[in-house]
């Protein structure tokens, strides 16, 4: 029988935040992700924390694809912010200023009951319309930004696809000399198939195989090498 006790740990949340959350139309997955972020931050007396997709999966039981979409929804609603921490890690922080949340609860009563998905679609349009010009300008400027393998690895780590996460582990460990986007895309294409075959293995198993490969094969090891090591 479960017997939770406050003495064993608790998460301090202002009543005002809870009162606003219960009034906020959110999807079930959005509540799960939001509560998990609160647990990982406020639960440890922190304003922000590094949270990987693996942690989200284990903590909520939600698939990576749903986690990725849900995080984007919460960012669009202005309820959380993604933070790029040192060494390429991804962190999240909860926005406690509920007046900045982009959620219009009065839209729920409109002839018929609207779902929270309908509300998200409506409110997201307002935000995205405002952001569209900025994004276009951003894309133009981005074309002039020098290639950065570190930034590409960040994108792979944050992707819900497991095979891309594995490629990120390999590239971060191997640190190949890729000078431009064309070289990176060619390498990524080559690594996708063996990365897919490595999906049954955990990050910890893959990292141990990477350390072993580096020791035994120096700089001459690939994802296929890891597969051979892991299936021995």
C-alpha atoms as a PDB file:
ATOM      1  CA  UNK A   1       0.000   0.000   0.000  1.00  0.00           C
ATOM      2  CA  UNK A   2       1.348   3.403  -0.951  1.00  0.00           C
ATOM      3  CA  UNK A   3       2.091   5.642   1.997  1.00  0.00           C
ATOM      4  CA  UNK A   4       3.580   8.940   0.749  1.00  0.00           C
ATOM      5  CA  UNK A   5       4.774  11.296   3.456  1.00  0.00           C
ATOM      6  CA  UNK A   6       5.760  14.937   3.173  1.00  0.00           C
ATOM      7  CA  UNK A   7       8.762  14.172   5.368  1.00  0.00           C
ATOM      8  CA  UNK A   8      10.157  12.002   2.555  1.00  0.00           C
ATOM      9  CA  UNK A   9      10.293  14.971   0.206  1.00  0.00           C
ATOM     10  CA  UNK A  10       7.898  17.487  -1.286  1.00  0.00           C
ATOM     11  CA  UNK A  11       7.667  20.042  -4.086  1.00  0.00           C
ATOM     12  CA  UNK A  12       6.894  23.587  -2.943  1.00  0.00           C
ATOM     13  CA  UNK A  13       4.566  25.327  -5.397  1.00  0.00           C
ATOM     14  CA  UNK A  14       2.789  28.615  -4.742  1.00  0.00           C
ATOM     15  CA  UNK A  15      -1.006  28.232  -4.431  1.00  0.00           C
ATOM     16  CA  UNK A  16      -1.420  30.963  -7.038  1.00  0.00           C
ATOM     17  CA  UNK A  17       0.365  28.774  -9.599  1.00  0.00           C
ATOM     18  CA  UNK A  18      -1.801  25.742  -8.784  1.00  0.00           C
ATOM     19  CA  UNK A  19      -4.945  27.872  -9.011  1.00  0.00           C
ATOM     20  CA  UNK A  20      -3.940  29.081 -12.460  1.00  0.00           C
ATOM     21  CA  UNK A  21      -2.953  25.594 -13.642  1.00  0.00           C
ATOM     22  CA  UNK A  22      -6.355  24.118 -12.784  1.00  0.00           C
ATOM     23  CA  UNK A  23      -7.974  26.878 -14.854  1.00  0.00           C
ATOM     24  CA  UNK A  24      -5.667  26.274 -17.813  1.00  0.00           C
ATOM     25  CA  UNK A  25      -6.941  24.023 -20.646  1.00  0.00           C
ATOM     26  CA  UNK A  26      -4.094  21.579 -21.241  1.00  0.00           C
ATOM     27  CA  UNK A  27      -3.862  18.178 -22.899  1.00  0.00           C
ATOM     28  CA  UNK A  28      -3.101  15.232 -20.623  1.00  0.00           C
ATOM     29  CA  UNK A  29       0.458  14.896 -21.958  1.00  0.00           C
ATOM     30  CA  UNK A  30       1.012  18.625 -21.419  1.00  0.00           C
ATOM     31  CA  UNK A  31       0.068  18.321 -17.748  1.00  0.00           C
ATOM     32  CA  UNK A  32       2.358  15.295 -17.374  1.00  0.00           C
ATOM     33  CA  UNK A  33       5.373  17.032 -18.924  1.00  0.00           C
ATOM     34  CA  UNK A  34       4.700  20.245 -17.014  1.00  0.00           C
ATOM     35  CA  UNK A  35       4.410  18.435 -13.680  1.00  0.00           C
ATOM     36  CA  UNK A  36       7.579  16.463 -14.405  1.00  0.00           C
ATOM     37  CA  UNK A  37       9.489  19.690 -15.085  1.00  0.00           C
ATOM     38  CA  UNK A  38       8.146  21.139 -11.824  1.00  0.00           C
ATOM     39  CA  UNK A  39       9.245  17.986 -10.006  1.00  0.00           C
ATOM     40  CA  UNK A  40      12.767  18.193 -11.478  1.00  0.00           C
ATOM     41  CA  UNK A  41      13.132  21.909 -10.763  1.00  0.00           C
ATOM     42  CA  UNK A  42      11.037  23.097  -7.815  1.00  0.00           C
ATOM     43  CA  UNK A  43      11.271  19.596  -6.330  1.00  0.00           C
ATOM     44  CA  UNK A  44      15.022  20.121  -5.955  1.00  0.00           C
ATOM     45  CA  UNK A  45      14.799  23.821  -5.103  1.00  0.00           C
ATOM     46  CA  UNK A  46      16.055  24.780  -8.565  1.00  0.00           C
ATOM     47  CA  UNK A  47      14.735  27.187 -11.197  1.00  0.00           C
ATOM     48  CA  UNK A  48      16.022  25.110 -14.112  1.00  0.00           C
ATOM     49  CA  UNK A  49      17.362  21.626 -14.696  1.00  0.00           C
ATOM     50  CA  UNK A  50      18.883  19.460 -17.409  1.00  0.00           C
ATOM     51  CA  UNK A  51      16.232  16.952 -18.495  1.00  0.00           C
ATOM     52  CA  UNK A  52      16.904  14.463 -21.288  1.00  0.00           C
ATOM     53  CA  UNK A  53      14.260  12.757 -23.411  1.00  0.00           C
ATOM     54  CA  UNK A  54      15.205   9.502 -21.671  1.00  0.00           C
ATOM     55  CA  UNK A  55      14.338  11.070 -18.300  1.00  0.00           C
ATOM     56  CA  UNK A  56      11.015  12.340 -19.682  1.00  0.00           C
ATOM     57  CA  UNK A  57      10.250   8.844 -21.022  1.00  0.00           C
ATOM     58  CA  UNK A  58      11.007   7.108 -17.722  1.00  0.00           C
ATOM     59  CA  UNK A  59       9.265   9.766 -15.631  1.00  0.00           C
ATOM     60  CA  UNK A  60       6.043  10.037 -17.643  1.00  0.00           C
ATOM     61  CA  UNK A  61       5.738   6.862 -19.727  1.00  0.00           C
ATOM     62  CA  UNK A  62       5.139   9.019 -22.817  1.00  0.00           C
ATOM     63  CA  UNK A  63       6.772   8.250 -26.186  1.00  0.00           C
ATOM     64  CA  UNK A  64       9.618  10.447 -27.468  1.00  0.00           C
ATOM     65  CA  UNK A  65       7.527  11.690 -30.387  1.00  0.00           C
ATOM     66  CA  UNK A  66       4.737  12.847 -28.064  1.00  0.00           C
ATOM     67  CA  UNK A  67       7.270  14.345 -25.635  1.00  0.00           C
ATOM     68  CA  UNK A  68       8.827  16.379 -28.443  1.00  0.00           C
ATOM     69  CA  UNK A  69       5.455  17.708 -29.665  1.00  0.00           C
ATOM     70  CA  UNK A  70       4.262  18.414 -26.121  1.00  0.00           C
ATOM     71  CA  UNK A  71       7.379  20.397 -25.205  1.00  0.00           C
ATOM     72  CA  UNK A  72       6.929  22.501 -28.352  1.00  0.00           C
ATOM     73  CA  UNK A  73       3.284  23.121 -27.390  1.00  0.00           C
ATOM     74  CA  UNK A  74       4.224  24.253 -23.876  1.00  0.00           C
ATOM     75  CA  UNK A  75       6.944  26.534 -25.246  1.00  0.00           C
ATOM     76  CA  UNK A  76       4.415  28.018 -27.694  1.00  0.00           C
ATOM     77  CA  UNK A  77       2.041  28.603 -24.778  1.00  0.00           C
ATOM     78  CA  UNK A  78       4.810  30.421 -22.916  1.00  0.00           C
ATOM     79  CA  UNK A  79       4.637  28.035 -19.958  1.00  0.00           C
ATOM     80  CA  UNK A  80       8.180  26.655 -20.202  1.00  0.00           C
ATOM     81  CA  UNK A  81      11.465  27.727 -21.772  1.00  0.00           C
ATOM     82  CA  UNK A  82      14.172  25.532 -23.271  1.00  0.00           C
ATOM     83  CA  UNK A  83      17.694  26.452 -22.158  1.00  0.00           C
ATOM     84  CA  UNK A  84      20.988  25.455 -23.775  1.00  0.00           C
ATOM     85  CA  UNK A  85      23.303  24.609 -20.901  1.00  0.00           C
ATOM     86  CA  UNK A  86      27.112  24.244 -20.991  1.00  0.00           C
ATOM     87  CA  UNK A  87      28.570  21.196 -22.786  1.00  0.00           C
ATOM     88  CA  UNK A  88      25.588  21.015 -25.128  1.00  0.00           C
ATOM     89  CA  UNK A  89      23.003  19.902 -22.549  1.00  0.00           C
ATOM     90  CA  UNK A  90      19.340  20.879 -22.801  1.00  0.00           C
ATOM     91  CA  UNK A  91      17.532  22.281 -19.766  1.00  0.00           C
ATOM     92  CA  UNK A  92      14.022  23.529 -19.043  1.00  0.00           C
ATOM     93  CA  UNK A  93      12.515  26.096 -16.713  1.00  0.00           C
ATOM     94  CA  UNK A  94       8.892  26.739 -15.740  1.00  0.00           C
ATOM     95  CA  UNK A  95       7.482  30.236 -16.321  1.00  0.00           C
ATOM     96  CA  UNK A  96       5.743  31.079 -13.055  1.00  0.00           C
ATOM     97  CA  UNK A  97       4.472  34.439 -14.348  1.00  0.00           C
ATOM     98  CA  UNK A  98       1.104  33.077 -15.513  1.00  0.00           C
ATOM     99  CA  UNK A  99       0.193  36.428 -17.083  1.00  0.00           C
ATOM    100  CA  UNK A 100       2.718  35.570 -19.800  1.00  0.00           C
ATOM    101  CA  UNK A 101       1.050  32.246 -20.603  1.00  0.00           C
ATOM    102  CA  UNK A 102      -0.571  32.306 -24.052  1.00  0.00           C
ATOM    103  CA  UNK A 103      -3.757  30.480 -23.037  1.00  0.00           C
ATOM    104  CA  UNK A 104      -7.203  32.014 -23.467  1.00  0.00           C
ATOM    105  CA  UNK A 105      -9.590  30.052 -21.241  1.00  0.00           C
ATOM    106  CA  UNK A 106     -12.638  32.056 -22.328  1.00  0.00           C
ATOM    107  CA  UNK A 107     -12.401  30.427 -25.771  1.00  0.00           C
ATOM    108  CA  UNK A 108     -13.578  27.150 -24.214  1.00  0.00           C
ATOM    109  CA  UNK A 109     -17.218  28.323 -24.175  1.00  0.00           C
ATOM    110  CA  UNK A 110     -18.187  29.130 -27.720  1.00  0.00           C
ATOM    111  CA  UNK A 111     -21.452  27.578 -28.907  1.00  0.00           C
ATOM    112  CA  UNK A 112     -20.056  24.134 -28.139  1.00  0.00           C
ATOM    113  CA  UNK A 113     -17.298  22.865 -25.882  1.00  0.00           C
ATOM    114  CA  UNK A 114     -13.912  23.235 -27.500  1.00  0.00           C
ATOM    115  CA  UNK A 115     -11.092  20.859 -26.693  1.00  0.00           C
ATOM    116  CA  UNK A 116      -7.786  22.083 -25.342  1.00  0.00           C
ATOM    117  CA  UNK A 117      -6.341  21.108 -28.725  1.00  0.00           C
ATOM    118  CA  UNK A 118      -8.721  23.608 -30.381  1.00  0.00           C
ATOM    119  CA  UNK A 119      -7.608  26.288 -27.943  1.00  0.00           C
ATOM    120  CA  UNK A 120      -3.950  25.532 -28.625  1.00  0.00           C
ATOM    121  CA  UNK A 121      -4.543  25.787 -32.381  1.00  0.00           C
ATOM    122  CA  UNK A 122      -6.290  29.145 -31.993  1.00  0.00           C
ATOM    123  CA  UNK A 123      -3.809  30.683 -29.564  1.00  0.00           C
ATOM    124  CA  UNK A 124      -0.810  29.263 -31.427  1.00  0.00           C
ATOM    125  CA  UNK A 125      -1.910  31.049 -34.603  1.00  0.00           C
ATOM    126  CA  UNK A 126      -1.691  34.400 -32.823  1.00  0.00           C
ATOM    127  CA  UNK A 127       1.823  33.638 -31.619  1.00  0.00           C
ATOM    128  CA  UNK A 128       3.053  32.082 -34.862  1.00  0.00           C
ATOM    129  CA  UNK A 129       1.669  34.911 -37.004  1.00  0.00           C
ATOM    130  CA  UNK A 130       3.641  37.358 -34.896  1.00  0.00           C
ATOM    131  CA  UNK A 131       6.756  35.195 -35.081  1.00  0.00           C
ATOM    132  CA  UNK A 132       6.639  34.373 -38.787  1.00  0.00           C
ATOM    133  CA  UNK A 133       8.480  37.482 -39.966  1.00  0.00           C
ATOM    134  CA  UNK A 134      11.133  36.969 -37.312  1.00  0.00           C
ATOM    135  CA  UNK A 135      11.579  33.328 -38.338  1.00  0.00           C
ATOM    136  CA  UNK A 136      11.981  34.235 -42.006  1.00  0.00           C
ATOM    137  CA  UNK A 137      14.639  36.797 -41.091  1.00  0.00           C
ATOM    138  CA  UNK A 138      16.238  34.234 -38.801  1.00  0.00           C
ATOM    139  CA  UNK A 139      16.470  31.674 -41.611  1.00  0.00           C
ATOM    140  CA  UNK A 140      18.142  34.208 -43.891  1.00  0.00           C
ATOM    141  CA  UNK A 141      20.676  35.119 -41.229  1.00  0.00           C
ATOM    142  CA  UNK A 142      21.236  31.438 -40.374  1.00  0.00           C
ATOM    143  CA  UNK A 143      22.493  30.781 -43.899  1.00  0.00           C
ATOM    144  CA  UNK A 144      25.466  32.999 -43.112  1.00  0.00           C
ATOM    145  CA  UNK A 145      26.307  31.281 -39.829  1.00  0.00           C
ATOM    146  CA  UNK A 146      29.461  29.108 -39.999  1.00  0.00           C
ATOM    147  CA  UNK A 147      28.958  25.337 -39.704  1.00  0.00           C
ATOM    148  CA  UNK A 148      29.121  24.078 -36.108  1.00  0.00           C
ATOM    149  CA  UNK A 149      29.253  20.359 -35.389  1.00  0.00           C
ATOM    150  CA  UNK A 150      28.459  21.082 -31.737  1.00  0.00           C
ATOM    151  CA  UNK A 151      25.173  22.769 -32.709  1.00  0.00           C
ATOM    152  CA  UNK A 152      24.255  19.908 -35.057  1.00  0.00           C
ATOM    153  CA  UNK A 153      24.874  17.409 -32.244  1.00  0.00           C
ATOM    154  CA  UNK A 154      22.550  19.448 -30.002  1.00  0.00           C
ATOM    155  CA  UNK A 155      19.796  19.128 -32.612  1.00  0.00           C
ATOM    156  CA  UNK A 156      20.304  15.363 -32.843  1.00  0.00           C
ATOM    157  CA  UNK A 157      20.191  15.006 -29.035  1.00  0.00           C
ATOM    158  CA  UNK A 158      16.915  16.926 -28.885  1.00  0.00           C
ATOM    159  CA  UNK A 159      15.291  14.918 -31.683  1.00  0.00           C
ATOM    160  CA  UNK A 160      12.650  12.330 -30.636  1.00  0.00           C
ATOM    161  CA  UNK A 161      14.145   9.738 -33.022  1.00  0.00           C
ATOM    162  CA  UNK A 162      16.274   7.197 -31.145  1.00  0.00           C
ATOM    163  CA  UNK A 163      18.628   6.525 -34.102  1.00  0.00           C
ATOM    164  CA  UNK A 164      19.498  10.254 -34.298  1.00  0.00           C
ATOM    165  CA  UNK A 165      20.188  10.319 -30.536  1.00  0.00           C
ATOM    166  CA  UNK A 166      22.639   7.448 -31.059  1.00  0.00           C
ATOM    167  CA  UNK A 167      24.378   9.296 -33.900  1.00  0.00           C
ATOM    168  CA  UNK A 168      24.713  12.267 -31.527  1.00  0.00           C
ATOM    169  CA  UNK A 169      26.406  10.048 -28.914  1.00  0.00           C
ATOM    170  CA  UNK A 170      28.826   8.759 -31.549  1.00  0.00           C
ATOM    171  CA  UNK A 171      29.684  12.178 -33.026  1.00  0.00           C
ATOM    172  CA  UNK A 172      30.139  13.748 -29.590  1.00  0.00           C
ATOM    173  CA  UNK A 173      32.487  10.924 -28.576  1.00  0.00           C
ATOM    174  CA  UNK A 174      34.344  10.558 -31.889  1.00  0.00           C
ATOM    175  CA  UNK A 175      34.497  14.288 -32.769  1.00  0.00           C
ATOM    176  CA  UNK A 176      35.153  13.778 -36.504  1.00  0.00           C
ATOM    177  CA  UNK A 177      36.682  16.597 -38.519  1.00  0.00           C
ATOM    178  CA  UNK A 178      33.575  17.750 -40.410  1.00  0.00           C
ATOM    179  CA  UNK A 179      34.135  21.181 -41.954  1.00  0.00           C
ATOM    180  CA  UNK A 180      30.791  21.985 -43.553  1.00  0.00           C
ATOM    181  CA  UNK A 181      27.127  21.034 -43.855  1.00  0.00           C
ATOM    182  CA  UNK A 182      27.676  18.860 -46.923  1.00  0.00           C
ATOM    183  CA  UNK A 183      30.249  16.703 -45.114  1.00  0.00           C
ATOM    184  CA  UNK A 184      27.983  16.481 -42.065  1.00  0.00           C
ATOM    185  CA  UNK A 185      24.921  15.422 -44.082  1.00  0.00           C
ATOM    186  CA  UNK A 186      26.964  12.779 -45.897  1.00  0.00           C
ATOM    187  CA  UNK A 187      28.245  11.406 -42.575  1.00  0.00           C
ATOM    188  CA  UNK A 188      24.752  11.483 -41.043  1.00  0.00           C
ATOM    189  CA  UNK A 189      23.307   9.525 -43.962  1.00  0.00           C
ATOM    190  CA  UNK A 190      26.028   6.901 -43.585  1.00  0.00           C
ATOM    191  CA  UNK A 191      25.438   6.504 -39.829  1.00  0.00           C
ATOM    192  CA  UNK A 192      21.640   6.149 -39.898  1.00  0.00           C
ATOM    193  CA  UNK A 193      21.481   2.444 -40.778  1.00  0.00           C
ATOM    194  CA  UNK A 194      23.910   1.173 -38.089  1.00  0.00           C
ATOM    195  CA  UNK A 195      22.355   3.616 -35.591  1.00  0.00           C
ATOM    196  CA  UNK A 196      18.983   2.014 -36.277  1.00  0.00           C
ATOM    197  CA  UNK A 197      20.438  -1.413 -35.464  1.00  0.00           C
ATOM    198  CA  UNK A 198      21.772  -0.038 -32.158  1.00  0.00           C
ATOM    199  CA  UNK A 199      18.365   1.172 -30.953  1.00  0.00           C
ATOM    200  CA  UNK A 200      17.769  -1.814 -28.624  1.00  0.00           C
ATOM    201  CA  UNK A 201      20.844  -0.827 -26.564  1.00  0.00           C
ATOM    202  CA  UNK A 202      20.808   1.809 -23.814  1.00  0.00           C
ATOM    203  CA  UNK A 203      22.863   5.007 -23.829  1.00  0.00           C
ATOM    204  CA  UNK A 204      25.019   3.574 -21.062  1.00  0.00           C
ATOM    205  CA  UNK A 205      25.793   0.416 -23.074  1.00  0.00           C
ATOM    206  CA  UNK A 206      26.633   2.480 -26.162  1.00  0.00           C
ATOM    207  CA  UNK A 207      28.885   4.854 -24.200  1.00  0.00           C
ATOM    208  CA  UNK A 208      30.773   1.913 -22.686  1.00  0.00           C
ATOM    209  CA  UNK A 209      31.214   0.435 -26.172  1.00  0.00           C
ATOM    210  CA  UNK A 210      32.474   3.812 -27.409  1.00  0.00           C
ATOM    211  CA  UNK A 211      35.073   3.982 -24.628  1.00  0.00           C
ATOM    212  CA  UNK A 212      36.188   0.429 -25.398  1.00  0.00           C
ATOM    213  CA  UNK A 213      36.380   1.139 -29.141  1.00  0.00           C
ATOM    214  CA  UNK A 214      38.444   4.279 -28.587  1.00  0.00           C
ATOM    215  CA  UNK A 215      40.872   2.349 -26.417  1.00  0.00           C
ATOM    216  CA  UNK A 216      41.157  -0.665 -28.731  1.00  0.00           C
ATOM    217  CA  UNK A 217      40.818   0.920 -32.167  1.00  0.00           C
ATOM    218  CA  UNK A 218      42.147   4.441 -31.486  1.00  0.00           C
ATOM    219  CA  UNK A 219      40.522   6.767 -34.055  1.00  0.00           C
ATOM    220  CA  UNK A 220      39.415   4.018 -36.422  1.00  0.00           C
ATOM    221  CA  UNK A 221      35.988   2.950 -35.182  1.00  0.00           C
ATOM    222  CA  UNK A 222      32.454   3.365 -36.510  1.00  0.00           C
ATOM    223  CA  UNK A 223      28.927   2.598 -35.366  1.00  0.00           C
ATOM    224  CA  UNK A 224      29.323  -0.798 -37.045  1.00  0.00           C
ATOM    225  CA  UNK A 225      32.294  -1.375 -34.732  1.00  0.00           C
ATOM    226  CA  UNK A 226      30.064  -0.690 -31.728  1.00  0.00           C
ATOM    227  CA  UNK A 227      27.501  -3.164 -32.986  1.00  0.00           C
ATOM    228  CA  UNK A 228      30.150  -5.871 -33.197  1.00  0.00           C
ATOM    229  CA  UNK A 229      31.313  -5.088 -29.664  1.00  0.00           C
ATOM    230  CA  UNK A 230      27.798  -5.109 -28.210  1.00  0.00           C
ATOM    231  CA  UNK A 231      26.603  -8.341 -29.835  1.00  0.00           C
ATOM    232  CA  UNK A 232      29.641 -10.378 -28.777  1.00  0.00           C
END
